[in-house]
């Protein structure tokens, strides 16, 4: 994962990520792009030192623009396409990562360009920009410049842009496209620079959050208890305040007592009974009392009996069972079935019918 620090080799078509980003920062951006569940899966396969440094970087990561994220994903594709041993899975892994972050079409395009060495056509950076947004970029440009851009775009995108232009402008632009001959590469480059600058200026105002304490908390919410504990302990040794901030955003097994009665009952209906018995073996008495109080009298009696006859269990197995119970809570919360207290605005959560 941290092998991205090496950067793409000679002959790679894609531009490198901004040089100010070190290997750990690139990896943090990549983890954020993957999403919490996939990132948690990757994090669990790293060594303790990598987990520590990467967790600190993810927690400290501020907003990162789409262009930077795209560049880092492209760098990953370049590294794996060379068959580098530092990233397990090769091109298939790169394709999966980029598909999750950018979609199947963009992944195919990115990897296809790497394998074929295809030359990038003019204004290719506009390929994934919505037609109406391109119209906004061209608003103050001359009809000849607009015609040049549209003539260089893929036909479907060009048609979309033309249809979004003001009706009075459409015939003139169409006529100029029809009469257009060859255009010097210098002119094309100048127009590209102007549009890139405009697009970047707009993008800087529309950053997508790609990290920070909340992103790390989301990842840990999908990880098992042992990884969560390891990350928080290491983070606390580096930045205690940041560790507390992340911890405050986590939902751990003991937080089940913060759910309202209807939410707890919903969780008890969905969770595997074997996981519940094992999870409660390592739980505080207050947690046991709340859960048992929300079960039927017969159900509570059966649960107590199973706990009594169950042989001693490894702490690791108990942690994993608690993680599976938390996963059920998160699944119900994401489906809108329950609301976790304080998740959105600090108010107490309530069940949703």
Protein backbone atom coordinates (compact mmCIF):
# COMPACT_ATOMS: atom_id res chain seq x y z
CA UNK A 1 0.00 0.00 0.00
CA UNK A 2 2.72 2.46 0.99
CA UNK A 3 4.69 1.48 -2.11
CA UNK A 4 3.01 4.34 -3.96
CA UNK A 5 5.83 6.47 -2.63
CA UNK A 6 8.00 5.13 -5.43
CA UNK A 7 5.84 6.77 -8.09
CA UNK A 8 5.33 5.70 -11.72
CA UNK A 9 8.29 4.58 -13.78
CA UNK A 10 9.57 5.81 -17.15
CA UNK A 11 7.06 5.46 -19.96
CA UNK A 12 3.96 5.67 -17.77
CA UNK A 13 1.39 7.84 -19.48
CA UNK A 14 -0.40 9.26 -16.49
CA UNK A 15 0.81 12.34 -14.61
CA UNK A 16 2.21 11.74 -11.14
CA UNK A 17 0.42 12.94 -8.04
CA UNK A 18 1.54 16.34 -6.78
CA UNK A 19 5.13 16.04 -5.57
CA UNK A 20 4.30 17.43 -2.13
CA UNK A 21 2.35 14.28 -1.31
CA UNK A 22 4.53 11.65 0.33
CA UNK A 23 3.91 7.93 0.13
CA UNK A 24 1.92 7.75 3.36
CA UNK A 25 -0.23 10.74 2.38
CA UNK A 26 -0.94 9.16 -1.01
CA UNK A 27 -1.94 5.93 0.70
CA UNK A 28 -4.24 7.88 3.04
CA UNK A 29 -5.97 9.55 0.09
CA UNK A 30 -6.33 6.17 -1.61
CA UNK A 31 -7.88 4.63 1.51
CA UNK A 32 -10.37 7.49 1.70
CA UNK A 33 -11.24 7.03 -1.97
CA UNK A 34 -11.92 3.32 -1.40
CA UNK A 35 -14.59 3.95 1.21
CA UNK A 36 -14.69 2.79 4.79
CA UNK A 37 -15.54 -0.90 4.29
CA UNK A 38 -12.92 -1.60 1.62
CA UNK A 39 -10.33 0.54 3.42
CA UNK A 40 -10.91 -1.38 6.65
CA UNK A 41 -10.26 -4.63 4.79
CA UNK A 42 -6.97 -3.26 3.44
CA UNK A 43 -5.93 -1.81 6.80
CA UNK A 44 -6.32 -5.18 8.49
CA UNK A 45 -3.71 -6.67 6.14
CA UNK A 46 -0.98 -4.15 7.00
CA UNK A 47 1.74 -4.39 9.61
CA UNK A 48 1.49 -2.55 12.93
CA UNK A 49 3.94 0.19 11.94
CA UNK A 50 2.11 0.81 8.65
CA UNK A 51 -1.23 0.89 10.46
CA UNK A 52 0.09 3.42 12.95
CA UNK A 53 1.58 5.83 10.39
CA UNK A 54 -1.33 5.47 7.98
CA UNK A 55 -3.95 6.00 10.69
CA UNK A 56 -2.29 9.21 11.84
CA UNK A 57 -2.12 10.44 8.24
CA UNK A 58 -5.77 9.60 7.56
CA UNK A 59 -6.90 11.37 10.70
CA UNK A 60 -4.92 14.48 9.82
CA UNK A 61 -5.91 14.48 6.16
CA UNK A 62 -7.92 17.50 5.09
CA UNK A 63 -10.05 17.84 1.96
CA UNK A 64 -8.38 16.71 -1.26
CA UNK A 65 -9.55 17.70 -4.72
CA UNK A 66 -10.79 15.20 -7.29
CA UNK A 67 -7.80 15.87 -9.58
CA UNK A 68 -5.32 14.82 -6.89
CA UNK A 69 -7.32 11.69 -6.04
CA UNK A 70 -7.58 10.79 -9.73
CA UNK A 71 -3.81 11.21 -10.12
CA UNK A 72 -3.07 8.89 -7.20
CA UNK A 73 -5.45 6.23 -8.55
CA UNK A 74 -3.72 6.53 -11.90
CA UNK A 75 -0.37 6.08 -10.22
CA UNK A 76 -1.62 2.89 -8.57
CA UNK A 77 -2.74 1.61 -11.96
CA UNK A 78 0.70 2.41 -13.41
CA UNK A 79 2.54 0.62 -10.59
CA UNK A 80 0.44 -2.54 -10.84
CA UNK A 81 0.52 -2.62 -14.64
CA UNK A 82 4.30 -2.91 -14.42
CA UNK A 83 3.86 -6.06 -12.32
CA UNK A 84 5.34 -4.49 -9.21
CA UNK A 85 5.59 -6.96 -6.35
CA UNK A 86 4.90 -4.29 -3.76
CA UNK A 87 1.16 -4.24 -4.48
CA UNK A 88 -0.58 -7.60 -4.31
CA UNK A 89 -3.12 -8.35 -7.02
CA UNK A 90 -1.60 -6.53 -10.02
CA UNK A 91 -3.89 -5.06 -12.65
CA UNK A 92 -6.93 -6.90 -11.32
CA UNK A 93 -6.47 -5.25 -7.94
CA UNK A 94 -5.95 -1.85 -9.56
CA UNK A 95 -9.10 -2.32 -11.61
CA UNK A 96 -11.12 -3.19 -8.50
CA UNK A 97 -9.77 -0.18 -6.60
CA UNK A 98 -10.42 2.28 -9.43
CA UNK A 99 -13.86 0.83 -10.19
CA UNK A 100 -14.86 1.37 -6.55
CA UNK A 101 -13.58 4.93 -6.57
CA UNK A 102 -14.40 6.11 -10.11
CA UNK A 103 -16.69 3.51 -11.67
CA UNK A 104 -16.21 0.71 -14.21
CA UNK A 105 -16.08 2.98 -17.28
CA UNK A 106 -13.31 5.18 -15.87
CA UNK A 107 -11.32 2.13 -14.70
CA UNK A 108 -11.47 0.57 -18.17
CA UNK A 109 -10.40 3.84 -19.76
CA UNK A 110 -7.53 4.39 -17.33
CA UNK A 111 -6.10 0.88 -17.57
CA UNK A 112 -6.74 0.71 -21.31
CA UNK A 113 -4.69 3.83 -21.86
CA UNK A 114 -1.84 2.38 -19.80
CA UNK A 115 -1.74 -0.88 -21.75
CA UNK A 116 -2.14 0.62 -25.20
CA UNK A 117 -0.07 3.75 -24.73
CA UNK A 118 -2.82 5.64 -26.58
CA UNK A 119 -2.27 9.32 -27.14
CA UNK A 120 -4.59 11.60 -25.21
CA UNK A 121 -6.89 13.56 -27.52
CA UNK A 122 -7.39 17.32 -27.09
CA UNK A 123 -9.67 18.39 -24.22
CA UNK A 124 -9.71 14.84 -22.85
CA UNK A 125 -9.84 16.30 -19.33
CA UNK A 126 -13.43 17.38 -20.11
CA UNK A 127 -14.54 13.81 -20.84
CA UNK A 128 -16.25 13.32 -17.47
CA UNK A 129 -17.46 16.88 -17.04
CA UNK A 130 -21.27 17.27 -17.42
CA UNK A 131 -22.34 19.11 -20.62
CA UNK A 132 -24.04 21.94 -18.70
CA UNK A 133 -20.87 22.54 -16.73
CA UNK A 134 -18.80 22.70 -19.93
CA UNK A 135 -21.25 25.29 -21.24
CA UNK A 136 -20.55 27.33 -18.11
CA UNK A 137 -16.81 27.12 -18.77
CA UNK A 138 -17.37 28.32 -22.36
CA UNK A 139 -19.85 31.06 -21.48
CA UNK A 140 -17.57 34.00 -22.26
CA UNK A 141 -15.64 32.36 -25.10
CA UNK A 142 -16.05 33.21 -28.77
CA UNK A 143 -18.18 31.01 -31.08
CA UNK A 144 -14.98 29.92 -32.84
CA UNK A 145 -13.41 28.73 -29.56
CA UNK A 146 -16.60 26.92 -28.60
CA UNK A 147 -16.65 25.25 -32.00
CA UNK A 148 -13.02 24.16 -31.60
CA UNK A 149 -13.75 22.55 -28.25
CA UNK A 150 -16.89 20.77 -29.45
CA UNK A 151 -15.15 19.47 -32.56
CA UNK A 152 -12.48 17.91 -30.35
CA UNK A 153 -14.83 16.22 -27.86
CA UNK A 154 -16.35 12.78 -28.18
CA UNK A 155 -19.49 13.06 -30.29
CA UNK A 156 -22.00 12.22 -27.53
CA UNK A 157 -20.51 14.79 -25.17
CA UNK A 158 -20.27 17.40 -27.94
CA UNK A 159 -23.94 16.85 -28.78
CA UNK A 160 -24.87 17.34 -25.13
CA UNK A 161 -22.90 20.59 -24.91
CA UNK A 162 -24.38 21.91 -28.14
CA UNK A 163 -27.90 21.20 -26.91
CA UNK A 164 -27.23 23.15 -23.70
CA UNK A 165 -25.97 26.24 -25.51
CA UNK A 166 -28.42 29.16 -25.93
CA UNK A 167 -30.64 28.51 -28.97
CA UNK A 168 -29.48 31.68 -30.72
CA UNK A 169 -25.85 30.49 -30.44
CA UNK A 170 -26.36 26.90 -31.58
CA UNK A 171 -26.58 27.53 -35.39
CA UNK A 172 -23.48 29.73 -35.45
CA UNK A 173 -21.39 27.23 -33.49
CA UNK A 174 -22.63 24.35 -35.65
CA UNK A 175 -21.72 26.27 -38.83
CA UNK A 176 -18.22 26.99 -37.55
CA UNK A 177 -17.73 23.30 -36.69
CA UNK A 178 -18.76 22.32 -40.24
CA UNK A 179 -16.37 24.83 -41.84
CA UNK A 180 -13.47 24.18 -39.48
CA UNK A 181 -10.20 23.03 -40.97
CA UNK A 182 -7.01 22.00 -39.23
CA UNK A 183 -6.08 23.93 -36.10
CA UNK A 184 -2.52 24.38 -34.89
CA UNK A 185 -1.53 22.46 -31.76
CA UNK A 186 -0.35 25.74 -30.22
CA UNK A 187 -3.84 27.23 -30.39
CA UNK A 188 -5.37 24.06 -28.95
CA UNK A 189 -2.89 24.09 -26.08
CA UNK A 190 -3.69 27.72 -25.28
CA UNK A 191 -7.44 27.02 -25.17
CA UNK A 192 -6.83 23.90 -23.06
CA UNK A 193 -4.82 25.92 -20.54
CA UNK A 194 -7.59 28.51 -20.20
CA UNK A 195 -10.29 25.87 -19.68
CA UNK A 196 -8.15 23.85 -17.27
CA UNK A 197 -7.61 26.96 -15.19
CA UNK A 198 -11.35 27.68 -15.11
CA UNK A 199 -12.17 24.09 -14.23
CA UNK A 200 -9.59 24.01 -11.44
CA UNK A 201 -10.89 27.28 -10.01
CA UNK A 202 -14.39 25.81 -9.82
CA UNK A 203 -13.18 22.46 -8.46
CA UNK A 204 -11.30 24.16 -5.63
CA UNK A 205 -14.66 25.37 -4.35
CA UNK A 206 -16.19 21.90 -4.57
CA UNK A 207 -13.75 19.70 -2.69
CA UNK A 208 -14.91 16.27 -1.65
CA UNK A 209 -13.82 15.31 1.84
CA UNK A 210 -11.11 12.70 1.45
CA UNK A 211 -9.97 12.11 4.98
CA UNK A 212 -9.85 13.45 8.50
CA UNK A 213 -11.02 12.10 11.82
CA UNK A 214 -14.51 11.24 10.54
CA UNK A 215 -13.10 9.23 7.63
CA UNK A 216 -10.83 7.24 9.95
CA UNK A 217 -13.73 6.63 12.34
CA UNK A 218 -15.81 5.33 9.45
CA UNK A 219 -13.05 2.89 8.52
CA UNK A 220 -12.63 1.68 12.08
CA UNK A 221 -16.38 1.19 12.38
CA UNK A 222 -16.01 -1.48 9.69
CA UNK A 223 -12.91 -3.06 11.24
CA UNK A 224 -12.68 -5.59 14.05
CA UNK A 225 -12.18 -4.60 17.68
CA UNK A 226 -8.51 -5.65 17.83
CA UNK A 227 -7.59 -3.42 14.89
CA UNK A 228 -9.66 -0.56 16.29
CA UNK A 229 -7.92 -0.83 19.66
CA UNK A 230 -4.47 -1.02 18.06
CA UNK A 231 -5.07 2.05 15.88
CA UNK A 232 -6.46 4.18 18.70
CA UNK A 233 -3.66 3.25 21.10
CA UNK A 234 -1.00 4.12 18.54
CA UNK A 235 -2.80 7.30 17.52
CA UNK A 236 -3.07 8.39 21.16
CA UNK A 237 0.68 8.03 21.61
CA UNK A 238 1.19 10.44 18.72
CA UNK A 239 -1.73 12.83 19.11
CA UNK A 240 -3.96 12.24 22.14
CA UNK A 241 -6.46 14.95 21.21
CA UNK A 242 -6.93 13.55 17.72
CA UNK A 243 -7.35 10.04 19.11
CA UNK A 244 -10.11 11.30 21.42
CA UNK A 245 -11.81 13.02 18.49
CA UNK A 246 -11.80 9.81 16.47
CA UNK A 247 -12.97 7.76 19.46
CA UNK A 248 -15.89 10.12 19.94
CA UNK A 249 -17.09 9.36 16.41
CA UNK A 250 -16.88 5.59 16.74
CA UNK A 251 -19.76 3.27 17.50
CA UNK A 252 -18.42 0.41 19.59
CA UNK A 253 -20.21 -2.58 21.09
CA UNK A 254 -20.70 -0.86 24.47
CA UNK A 255 -22.51 2.01 22.70
CA UNK A 256 -25.51 -0.26 22.11
CA UNK A 257 -26.83 1.02 25.46
CA UNK A 258 -27.15 4.48 23.85
CA UNK A 259 -29.75 3.21 21.37
CA UNK A 260 -33.40 3.58 22.24
CA UNK A 261 -35.49 0.51 23.08
CA UNK A 262 -37.01 0.06 19.63
CA UNK A 263 -33.57 0.23 18.01
CA UNK A 264 -32.10 -2.29 20.47
CA UNK A 265 -34.99 -4.67 19.87
CA UNK A 266 -34.46 -4.36 16.11
CA UNK A 267 -30.78 -5.18 16.52
CA UNK A 268 -31.60 -8.21 18.69
CA UNK A 269 -33.96 -9.50 15.98
CA UNK A 270 -31.26 -9.20 13.30
CA UNK A 271 -28.14 -10.38 15.12
CA UNK A 272 -27.01 -14.01 15.13
CA UNK A 273 -27.79 -15.57 18.54
CA UNK A 274 -24.39 -17.29 18.68
CA UNK A 275 -22.63 -13.97 18.12
CA UNK A 276 -24.73 -12.32 20.82
CA UNK A 277 -23.88 -15.01 23.41
CA UNK A 278 -20.18 -14.77 22.62
CA UNK A 279 -20.18 -10.96 22.50
CA UNK A 280 -21.81 -10.68 25.92
CA UNK A 281 -19.11 -12.88 27.47
CA UNK A 282 -16.76 -9.91 27.40
CA UNK A 283 -19.31 -7.14 27.94
CA UNK A 284 -19.83 -4.92 30.95
CA UNK A 285 -22.71 -5.77 33.27
CA UNK A 286 -24.56 -2.58 32.28
CA UNK A 287 -24.56 -3.70 28.63
CA UNK A 288 -25.81 -7.17 29.54
CA UNK A 289 -28.61 -5.70 31.65
CA UNK A 290 -29.83 -3.37 28.89
CA UNK A 291 -29.87 -6.09 26.25
CA UNK A 292 -31.53 -8.66 28.49
CA UNK A 293 -34.15 -6.09 29.50
CA UNK A 294 -35.14 -5.67 25.84
CA UNK A 295 -35.65 -9.40 25.29
CA UNK A 296 -38.67 -11.50 26.13
CA UNK A 297 -38.54 -13.26 29.49
CA UNK A 298 -38.07 -16.62 27.80
CA UNK A 299 -35.44 -15.27 25.39
CA UNK A 300 -33.45 -13.68 28.22
CA UNK A 301 -33.55 -16.91 30.24
CA UNK A 302 -32.30 -18.95 27.26
CA UNK A 303 -29.50 -16.46 26.62
CA UNK A 304 -28.35 -16.59 30.25
CA UNK A 305 -28.38 -20.37 30.15
CA UNK A 306 -26.26 -20.46 26.97
CA UNK A 307 -23.76 -18.07 28.53
CA UNK A 308 -23.47 -20.25 31.64
CA UNK A 309 -22.85 -23.52 29.79
CA UNK A 310 -20.51 -22.02 27.21
CA UNK A 311 -16.84 -22.96 27.83
CA UNK A 312 -14.17 -20.24 28.23
CA UNK A 313 -13.56 -18.30 25.01
CA UNK A 314 -10.54 -16.50 23.57
CA UNK A 315 -10.65 -12.72 23.83
CA UNK A 316 -9.97 -12.49 20.11
CA UNK A 317 -13.10 -14.53 19.35
CA UNK A 318 -15.14 -12.33 21.68
CA UNK A 319 -13.84 -9.20 19.95
CA UNK A 320 -14.79 -10.60 16.55
CA UNK A 321 -18.29 -11.46 17.76
CA UNK A 322 -18.74 -7.94 19.12
CA UNK A 323 -17.55 -6.57 15.76
CA UNK A 324 -20.22 -8.61 13.96
CA UNK A 325 -22.90 -7.26 16.28
CA UNK A 326 -21.69 -3.70 15.59
CA UNK A 327 -21.77 -4.50 11.86
CA UNK A 328 -25.49 -5.34 12.22
CA UNK A 329 -26.07 -1.99 13.96
CA UNK A 330 -24.28 -0.15 11.15
CA UNK A 331 -26.20 -2.06 8.49
CA UNK A 332 -29.53 -1.11 10.08
CA UNK A 333 -28.38 2.50 10.48
CA UNK A 334 -27.29 2.74 6.83
CA UNK A 335 -30.64 1.29 5.73
CA UNK A 336 -32.46 3.97 7.76
CA UNK A 337 -34.08 1.38 10.02
CA UNK A 338 -32.51 2.82 13.17
CA UNK A 339 -30.73 6.06 14.09
CA UNK A 340 -27.55 6.10 16.15
CA UNK A 341 -27.58 8.73 18.89
CA UNK A 342 -25.48 11.77 18.08
CA UNK A 343 -24.68 10.51 14.57
CA UNK A 344 -25.96 13.61 12.81
CA UNK A 345 -26.56 16.48 15.17
CA UNK A 346 -25.93 15.31 18.69
CA UNK A 347 -29.58 14.61 19.45
CA UNK A 348 -30.64 11.31 20.88
CA UNK A 349 -31.30 8.66 18.24
CA UNK A 350 -34.69 7.05 17.81
CA UNK A 351 -36.04 4.09 15.91
CA UNK A 352 -37.52 4.69 12.48
CA UNK A 353 -40.64 2.76 11.52
